[in-house]
């Protein structure tokens, strides 16, 4: 049976550990989200060059590059 003292100690440990765990998980996530717009712009340039070098040049080849640039602008605006 869990006593009141044990329950208080467990709650205190949980209150201390939850912010630490969230900070450890959240920091790499925020760094990744900060770098993601730049990585999407690089991918957009690569996809744009790939679309330009394909013969014959067609409009649907540019859709992935446009999507990468649009997503990078949206994520850059959000983060």
PDB file of N, CA and C in Angstrom:
ATOM      1  N   UNK A   1       0.834  -1.164   0.000  1.00  0.00           N
ATOM      2  CA  UNK A   1       0.000   0.000   0.000  1.00  0.00           C
ATOM      3  C   UNK A   1       0.890   1.242   0.000  1.00  0.00           C
ATOM      4  N   UNK A   2       0.488   2.208  -0.788  1.00  0.00           N
ATOM      5  CA  UNK A   2       1.263   3.439  -0.928  1.00  0.00           C
ATOM      6  C   UNK A   2       0.847   4.406   0.171  1.00  0.00           C
ATOM      7  N   UNK A   3       1.852   4.854   0.921  1.00  0.00           N
ATOM      8  CA  UNK A   3       1.548   5.807   1.976  1.00  0.00           C
ATOM      9  C   UNK A   3       1.529   7.218   1.409  1.00  0.00           C
ATOM     10  N   UNK A   4       1.074   8.146   2.206  1.00  0.00           N
ATOM     11  CA  UNK A   4       1.001   9.534   1.777  1.00  0.00           C
ATOM     12  C   UNK A   4       2.393  10.104   1.532  1.00  0.00           C
ATOM     13  N   UNK A   5       3.364   9.713   2.344  1.00  0.00           N
ATOM     14  CA  UNK A   5       4.736  10.181   2.171  1.00  0.00           C
ATOM     15  C   UNK A   5       5.326   9.668   0.858  1.00  0.00           C
ATOM     16  N   UNK A   6       5.097   8.402   0.551  1.00  0.00           N
ATOM     17  CA  UNK A   6       5.588   7.827  -0.697  1.00  0.00           C
ATOM     18  C   UNK A   6       4.948   8.511  -1.899  1.00  0.00           C
ATOM     19  N   UNK A   7       3.663   8.760  -1.809  1.00  0.00           N
ATOM     20  CA  UNK A   7       2.963   9.435  -2.895  1.00  0.00           C
ATOM     21  C   UNK A   7       3.493  10.849  -3.101  1.00  0.00           C
ATOM     22  N   UNK A   8       3.791  11.564  -2.036  1.00  0.00           N
ATOM     23  CA  UNK A   8       4.354  12.920  -2.144  1.00  0.00           C
ATOM     24  C   UNK A   8       5.742  12.892  -2.773  1.00  0.00           C
ATOM     25  N   UNK A   9       6.541  11.919  -2.403  1.00  0.00           N
ATOM     26  CA  UNK A   9       7.893  11.800  -2.977  1.00  0.00           C
ATOM     27  C   UNK A   9       7.811  11.465  -4.463  1.00  0.00           C
ATOM     28  N   UNK A  10       6.918  10.564  -4.836  1.00  0.00           N
ATOM     29  CA  UNK A  10       6.748  10.212  -6.252  1.00  0.00           C
ATOM     30  C   UNK A  10       6.285  11.422  -7.046  1.00  0.00           C
ATOM     31  N   UNK A  11       5.353  12.183  -6.531  1.00  0.00           N
ATOM     32  CA  UNK A  11       4.866  13.373  -7.227  1.00  0.00           C
ATOM     33  C   UNK A  11       5.967  14.422  -7.357  1.00  0.00           C
ATOM     34  N   UNK A  12       6.775  14.586  -6.333  1.00  0.00           N
ATOM     35  CA  UNK A  12       7.877  15.542  -6.391  1.00  0.00           C
ATOM     36  C   UNK A  12       8.906  15.144  -7.440  1.00  0.00           C
ATOM     37  N   UNK A  13       9.224  13.874  -7.505  1.00  0.00           N
ATOM     38  CA  UNK A  13      10.174  13.385  -8.506  1.00  0.00           C
ATOM     39  C   UNK A  13       9.609  13.571  -9.910  1.00  0.00           C
ATOM     40  N   UNK A  14       8.345  13.292 -10.088  1.00  0.00           N
ATOM     41  CA  UNK A  14       7.712  13.448 -11.406  1.00  0.00           C
ATOM     42  C   UNK A  14       7.688  14.916 -11.824  1.00  0.00           C
ATOM     43  N   UNK A  15       7.399  15.807 -10.886  1.00  0.00           N
ATOM     44  CA  UNK A  15       7.353  17.238 -11.199  1.00  0.00           C
ATOM     45  C   UNK A  15       8.728  17.747 -11.609  1.00  0.00           C
ATOM     46  N   UNK A  16       9.786  17.185 -11.058  1.00  0.00           N
ATOM     47  CA  UNK A  16      11.141  17.594 -11.424  1.00  0.00           C
ATOM     48  C   UNK A  16      11.572  16.942 -12.732  1.00  0.00           C
ATOM     49  N   UNK A  17      11.230  15.680 -12.935  1.00  0.00           N
ATOM     50  CA  UNK A  17      11.705  14.946 -14.116  1.00  0.00           C
ATOM     51  C   UNK A  17      10.990  15.325 -15.407  1.00  0.00           C
ATOM     52  N   UNK A  18       9.716  15.655 -15.363  1.00  0.00           N
ATOM     53  CA  UNK A  18       8.972  15.954 -16.590  1.00  0.00           C
ATOM     54  C   UNK A  18       9.555  17.152 -17.339  1.00  0.00           C
ATOM     55  N   UNK A  19       9.848  18.287 -16.701  1.00  0.00           N
ATOM     56  CA  UNK A  19      10.456  19.390 -17.466  1.00  0.00           C
ATOM     57  C   UNK A  19      11.838  19.055 -18.017  1.00  0.00           C
ATOM     58  N   UNK A  20      12.611  18.250 -17.282  1.00  0.00           N
ATOM     59  CA  UNK A  20      13.940  17.860 -17.768  1.00  0.00           C
ATOM     60  C   UNK A  20      13.817  16.988 -19.014  1.00  0.00           C
ATOM     61  N   UNK A  21      12.935  16.029 -18.984  1.00  0.00           N
ATOM     62  CA  UNK A  21      12.746  15.142 -20.142  1.00  0.00           C
ATOM     63  C   UNK A  21      12.201  15.931 -21.328  1.00  0.00           C
ATOM     64  N   UNK A  22      11.258  16.818 -21.104  1.00  0.00           N
ATOM     65  CA  UNK A  22      10.718  17.615 -22.205  1.00  0.00           C
ATOM     66  C   UNK A  22      11.762  18.549 -22.798  1.00  0.00           C
ATOM     67  N   UNK A  23      12.651  19.076 -21.957  1.00  0.00           N
ATOM     68  CA  UNK A  23      13.715  19.937 -22.471  1.00  0.00           C
ATOM     69  C   UNK A  23      14.715  19.143 -23.303  1.00  0.00           C
ATOM     70  N   UNK A  24      15.022  17.939 -22.869  1.00  0.00           N
ATOM     71  CA  UNK A  24      15.968  17.096 -23.623  1.00  0.00           C
ATOM     72  C   UNK A  24      15.377  16.704 -24.969  1.00  0.00           C
ATOM     73  N   UNK A  25      14.105  16.393 -25.005  1.00  0.00           N
ATOM     74  CA  UNK A  25      13.457  16.008 -26.257  1.00  0.00           C
ATOM     75  C   UNK A  25      13.183  17.231 -27.126  1.00  0.00           C
ATOM     76  N   UNK A  26      12.765  18.329 -26.521  1.00  0.00           N
ATOM     77  CA  UNK A  26      12.323  19.491 -27.276  1.00  0.00           C
ATOM     78  C   UNK A  26      13.443  20.292 -27.909  1.00  0.00           C
ATOM     79  N   UNK A  27      14.616  20.338 -27.281  1.00  0.00           N
ATOM     80  CA  UNK A  27      15.708  21.138 -27.823  1.00  0.00           C
ATOM     81  C   UNK A  27      16.172  20.646 -29.190  1.00  0.00           C
ATOM     82  N   UNK A  28      16.443  19.355 -29.385  1.00  0.00           N
ATOM     83  CA  UNK A  28      16.806  18.907 -30.736  1.00  0.00           C
ATOM     84  C   UNK A  28      15.684  19.125 -31.751  1.00  0.00           C
ATOM     85  N   UNK A  29      14.440  18.988 -31.308  1.00  0.00           N
ATOM     86  CA  UNK A  29      13.313  19.210 -32.206  1.00  0.00           C
ATOM     87  C   UNK A  29      13.273  20.658 -32.672  1.00  0.00           C
ATOM     88  N   UNK A  30      13.491  21.603 -31.757  1.00  0.00           N
ATOM     89  CA  UNK A  30      13.495  23.018 -32.132  1.00  0.00           C
ATOM     90  C   UNK A  30      14.678  23.365 -33.024  1.00  0.00           C
ATOM     91  N   UNK A  31      15.831  22.758 -32.767  1.00  0.00           N
ATOM     92  CA  UNK A  31      16.980  22.987 -33.649  1.00  0.00           C
ATOM     93  C   UNK A  31      16.711  22.462 -35.053  1.00  0.00           C
ATOM     94  N   UNK A  32      16.096  21.287 -35.128  1.00  0.00           N
ATOM     95  CA  UNK A  32      15.746  20.724 -36.431  1.00  0.00           C
ATOM     96  C   UNK A  32      14.743  21.603 -37.154  1.00  0.00           C
ATOM     97  N   UNK A  33      13.747  22.097 -36.435  1.00  0.00           N
ATOM     98  CA  UNK A  33      12.754  22.961 -37.067  1.00  0.00           C
ATOM     99  C   UNK A  33      13.356  24.300 -37.487  1.00  0.00           C
ATOM    100  N   UNK A  34      14.394  24.756 -36.806  1.00  0.00           N
ATOM    101  CA  UNK A  34      15.072  25.981 -37.206  1.00  0.00           C
ATOM    102  C   UNK A  34      15.912  25.789 -38.468  1.00  0.00           C
ATOM    103  N   UNK A  35      16.467  24.604 -38.645  1.00  0.00           N
ATOM    104  CA  UNK A  35      17.287  24.324 -39.823  1.00  0.00           C
ATOM    105  C   UNK A  35      16.475  23.829 -41.009  1.00  0.00           C
ATOM    106  N   UNK A  36      15.281  23.359 -40.758  1.00  0.00           N
ATOM    107  CA  UNK A  36      14.469  22.766 -41.821  1.00  0.00           C
ATOM    108  C   UNK A  36      14.172  23.709 -42.985  1.00  0.00           C
ATOM    109  N   UNK A  37      13.851  24.995 -42.761  1.00  0.00           N
ATOM    110  CA  UNK A  37      13.624  25.864 -43.923  1.00  0.00           C
ATOM    111  C   UNK A  37      14.847  26.004 -44.822  1.00  0.00           C
ATOM    112  N   UNK A  38      16.034  26.061 -44.234  1.00  0.00           N
ATOM    113  CA  UNK A  38      17.248  26.169 -45.050  1.00  0.00           C
ATOM    114  C   UNK A  38      17.493  24.875 -45.827  1.00  0.00           C
ATOM    115  N   UNK A  39      17.276  23.747 -45.196  1.00  0.00           N
ATOM    116  CA  UNK A  39      17.447  22.473 -45.891  1.00  0.00           C
ATOM    117  C   UNK A  39      16.430  22.318 -47.015  1.00  0.00           C
ATOM    118  N   UNK A  40      15.214  22.794 -46.810  1.00  0.00           N
ATOM    119  CA  UNK A  40      14.207  22.728 -47.870  1.00  0.00           C
ATOM    120  C   UNK A  40      14.563  23.645 -49.037  1.00  0.00           C
ATOM    121  N   UNK A  41      15.187  24.789 -48.758  1.00  0.00           N
ATOM    122  CA  UNK A  41      15.609  25.667 -49.850  1.00  0.00           C
ATOM    123  C   UNK A  41      16.709  25.034 -50.677  1.00  0.00           C
ATOM    124  N   UNK A  42      17.638  24.356 -50.013  1.00  0.00           N
ATOM    125  CA  UNK A  42      18.694  23.642 -50.744  1.00  0.00           C
ATOM    126  C   UNK A  42      18.076  22.531 -51.593  1.00  0.00           C
ATOM    127  N   UNK A  43      17.137  21.795 -51.024  1.00  0.00           N
ATOM    128  CA  UNK A  43      16.450  20.750 -51.787  1.00  0.00           C
ATOM    129  C   UNK A  43      15.661  21.352 -52.941  1.00  0.00           C
ATOM    130  N   UNK A  44      15.068  22.529 -52.725  1.00  0.00           N
ATOM    131  CA  UNK A  44      14.329  23.191 -53.801  1.00  0.00           C
ATOM    132  C   UNK A  44      15.233  23.587 -54.956  1.00  0.00           C
ATOM    133  N   UNK A  45      16.428  24.060 -54.654  1.00  0.00           N
ATOM    134  CA  UNK A  45      17.383  24.414 -55.726  1.00  0.00           C
ATOM    135  C   UNK A  45      17.809  23.170 -56.492  1.00  0.00           C
ATOM    136  N   UNK A  46      18.075  22.084 -55.780  1.00  0.00           N
ATOM    137  CA  UNK A  46      18.462  20.838 -56.444  1.00  0.00           C
ATOM    138  C   UNK A  46      17.329  20.327 -57.330  1.00  0.00           C
ATOM    139  N   UNK A  47      16.106  20.361 -56.828  1.00  0.00           N
ATOM    140  CA  UNK A  47      14.962  19.908 -57.636  1.00  0.00           C
ATOM    141  C   UNK A  47      14.695  20.824 -58.818  1.00  0.00           C
ATOM    142  N   UNK A  48      14.950  22.122 -58.639  1.00  0.00           N
ATOM    143  CA  UNK A  48      14.787  23.059 -59.746  1.00  0.00           C
ATOM    144  C   UNK A  48      15.808  22.787 -60.845  1.00  0.00           C
ATOM    145  N   UNK A  49      17.053  22.560 -60.467  1.00  0.00           N
ATOM    146  CA  UNK A  49      18.077  22.236 -61.469  1.00  0.00           C
ATOM    147  C   UNK A  49      17.774  20.913 -62.157  1.00  0.00           C
ATOM    148  N   UNK A  50      17.293  19.938 -61.402  1.00  0.00           N
ATOM    149  CA  UNK A  50      16.927  18.662 -61.999  1.00  0.00           C
ATOM    150  C   UNK A  50      15.804  18.839 -63.019  1.00  0.00           C
ATOM    151  N   UNK A  51      14.827  19.683 -62.704  1.00  0.00           N
ATOM    152  CA  UNK A  51      13.714  19.918 -63.624  1.00  0.00           C
ATOM    153  C   UNK A  51      14.182  20.661 -64.871  1.00  0.00           C
ATOM    154  N   UNK A  52      15.140  21.558 -64.705  1.00  0.00           N
ATOM    155  CA  UNK A  52      15.639  22.310 -65.864  1.00  0.00           C
ATOM    156  C   UNK A  52      16.463  21.445 -66.808  1.00  0.00           C
ATOM    157  N   UNK A  53      17.172  20.463 -66.251  1.00  0.00           N
ATOM    158  CA  UNK A  53      18.045  19.635 -67.083  1.00  0.00           C
ATOM    159  C   UNK A  53      17.330  18.471 -67.751  1.00  0.00           C
ATOM    160  N   UNK A  54      16.084  18.210 -67.353  1.00  0.00           N
ATOM    161  CA  UNK A  54      15.347  17.140 -68.009  1.00  0.00           C
ATOM    162  C   UNK A  54      14.882  17.609 -69.379  1.00  0.00           C
ATOM    163  N   UNK A  55      14.948  16.717 -70.339  1.00  0.00           N
ATOM    164  CA  UNK A  55      14.506  17.033 -71.691  1.00  0.00           C
ATOM    165  C   UNK A  55      13.324  16.148 -72.032  1.00  0.00           C
ATOM    166  N   UNK A  56      12.257  16.633 -72.522  1.00  0.00           N
ATOM    167  CA  UNK A  56      11.869  18.024 -72.711  1.00  0.00           C
ATOM    168  C   UNK A  56      11.455  18.649 -71.380  1.00  0.00           C
ATOM    169  N   UNK A  57      11.612  19.958 -71.316  1.00  0.00           N
ATOM    170  CA  UNK A  57      11.241  20.685 -70.097  1.00  0.00           C
ATOM    171  C   UNK A  57       9.712  20.793 -70.053  1.00  0.00           C
ATOM    172  N   UNK A  58       9.130  20.260 -68.983  1.00  0.00           N
ATOM    173  CA  UNK A  58       7.681  20.297 -68.812  1.00  0.00           C
ATOM    174  C   UNK A  58       7.343  20.952 -67.486  1.00  0.00           C
ATOM    175  N   UNK A  59       6.171  21.512 -67.396  1.00  0.00           N
ATOM    176  CA  UNK A  59       5.746  22.232 -66.205  1.00  0.00           C
ATOM    177  C   UNK A  59       5.598  21.360 -64.976  1.00  0.00           C
ATOM    178  N   UNK A  60       5.163  20.119 -65.173  1.00  0.00           N
ATOM    179  CA  UNK A  60       4.949  19.260 -64.005  1.00  0.00           C
ATOM    180  C   UNK A  60       6.257  18.835 -63.340  1.00  0.00           C
ATOM    181  N   UNK A  61       7.386  19.005 -64.028  1.00  0.00           N
ATOM    182  CA  UNK A  61       8.670  18.693 -63.416  1.00  0.00           C
ATOM    183  C   UNK A  61       9.059  19.710 -62.350  1.00  0.00           C
ATOM    184  N   UNK A  62       8.451  20.893 -62.392  1.00  0.00           N
ATOM    185  CA  UNK A  62       8.790  21.951 -61.447  1.00  0.00           C
ATOM    186  C   UNK A  62       7.953  21.897 -60.165  1.00  0.00           C
ATOM    187  N   UNK A  63       6.954  21.043 -60.107  1.00  0.00           N
ATOM    188  CA  UNK A  63       6.060  20.983 -58.944  1.00  0.00           C
ATOM    189  C   UNK A  63       6.805  20.622 -57.653  1.00  0.00           C
ATOM    190  N   UNK A  64       7.717  19.626 -57.629  1.00  0.00           N
ATOM    191  CA  UNK A  64       8.428  19.342 -56.370  1.00  0.00           C
ATOM    192  C   UNK A  64       9.298  20.516 -55.901  1.00  0.00           C
ATOM    193  N   UNK A  65       9.917  21.235 -56.828  1.00  0.00           N
ATOM    194  CA  UNK A  65      10.737  22.381 -56.447  1.00  0.00           C
ATOM    195  C   UNK A  65       9.868  23.501 -55.880  1.00  0.00           C
ATOM    196  N   UNK A  66       8.743  23.752 -56.508  1.00  0.00           N
ATOM    197  CA  UNK A  66       7.833  24.797 -56.015  1.00  0.00           C
ATOM    198  C   UNK A  66       7.287  24.412 -54.641  1.00  0.00           C
ATOM    199  N   UNK A  67       6.971  23.136 -54.454  1.00  0.00           N
ATOM    200  CA  UNK A  67       6.470  22.673 -53.158  1.00  0.00           C
ATOM    201  C   UNK A  67       7.539  22.826 -52.076  1.00  0.00           C
ATOM    202  N   UNK A  68       8.787  22.523 -52.393  1.00  0.00           N
ATOM    203  CA  UNK A  68       9.866  22.663 -51.407  1.00  0.00           C
ATOM    204  C   UNK A  68      10.073  24.125 -51.029  1.00  0.00           C
ATOM    205  N   UNK A  69      10.047  25.024 -52.028  1.00  0.00           N
ATOM    206  CA  UNK A  69      10.203  26.451 -51.728  1.00  0.00           C
ATOM    207  C   UNK A  69       9.012  26.980 -50.916  1.00  0.00           C
ATOM    208  N   UNK A  70       7.810  26.564 -51.262  1.00  0.00           N
ATOM    209  CA  UNK A  70       6.630  27.026 -50.531  1.00  0.00           C
ATOM    210  C   UNK A  70       6.642  26.520 -49.093  1.00  0.00           C
ATOM    211  N   UNK A  71       7.032  25.265 -48.901  1.00  0.00           N
ATOM    212  CA  UNK A  71       7.096  24.711 -47.553  1.00  0.00           C
ATOM    213  C   UNK A  71       8.188  25.378 -46.729  1.00  0.00           C
ATOM    214  N   UNK A  72       9.319  25.715 -47.375  1.00  0.00           N
ATOM    215  CA  UNK A  72      10.387  26.402 -46.640  1.00  0.00           C
ATOM    216  C   UNK A  72       9.953  27.807 -46.231  1.00  0.00           C
ATOM    217  N   UNK A  73       9.202  28.498 -47.097  1.00  0.00           N
ATOM    218  CA  UNK A  73       8.704  29.820 -46.726  1.00  0.00           C
ATOM    219  C   UNK A  73       7.681  29.724 -45.598  1.00  0.00           C
ATOM    220  N   UNK A  74       6.823  28.717 -45.653  1.00  0.00           N
ATOM    221  CA  UNK A  74       5.819  28.553 -44.605  1.00  0.00           C
ATOM    222  C   UNK A  74       6.477  28.221 -43.261  1.00  0.00           C
ATOM    223  N   UNK A  75       7.425  27.292 -43.261  1.00  0.00           N
ATOM    224  CA  UNK A  75       8.103  26.948 -42.020  1.00  0.00           C
ATOM    225  C   UNK A  75       8.990  28.080 -41.521  1.00  0.00           C
ATOM    226  N   UNK A  76       9.596  28.841 -42.431  1.00  0.00           N
ATOM    227  CA  UNK A  76      10.379  29.994 -42.013  1.00  0.00           C
ATOM    228  C   UNK A  76       9.510  31.067 -41.378  1.00  0.00           C
ATOM    229  N   UNK A  77       8.297  31.200 -41.859  1.00  0.00           N
ATOM    230  CA  UNK A  77       7.371  32.174 -41.298  1.00  0.00           C
ATOM    231  C   UNK A  77       6.857  31.709 -39.928  1.00  0.00           C
ATOM    232  N   UNK A  78       6.626  30.385 -39.798  1.00  0.00           N
ATOM    233  CA  UNK A  78       6.113  29.862 -38.538  1.00  0.00           C
ATOM    234  C   UNK A  78       7.183  29.816 -37.452  1.00  0.00           C
ATOM    235  N   UNK A  79       8.397  29.415 -37.820  1.00  0.00           N
ATOM    236  CA  UNK A  79       9.449  29.277 -36.821  1.00  0.00           C
ATOM    237  C   UNK A  79      10.452  30.363 -36.995  1.00  0.00           C
TER     238      UNK A  79
END
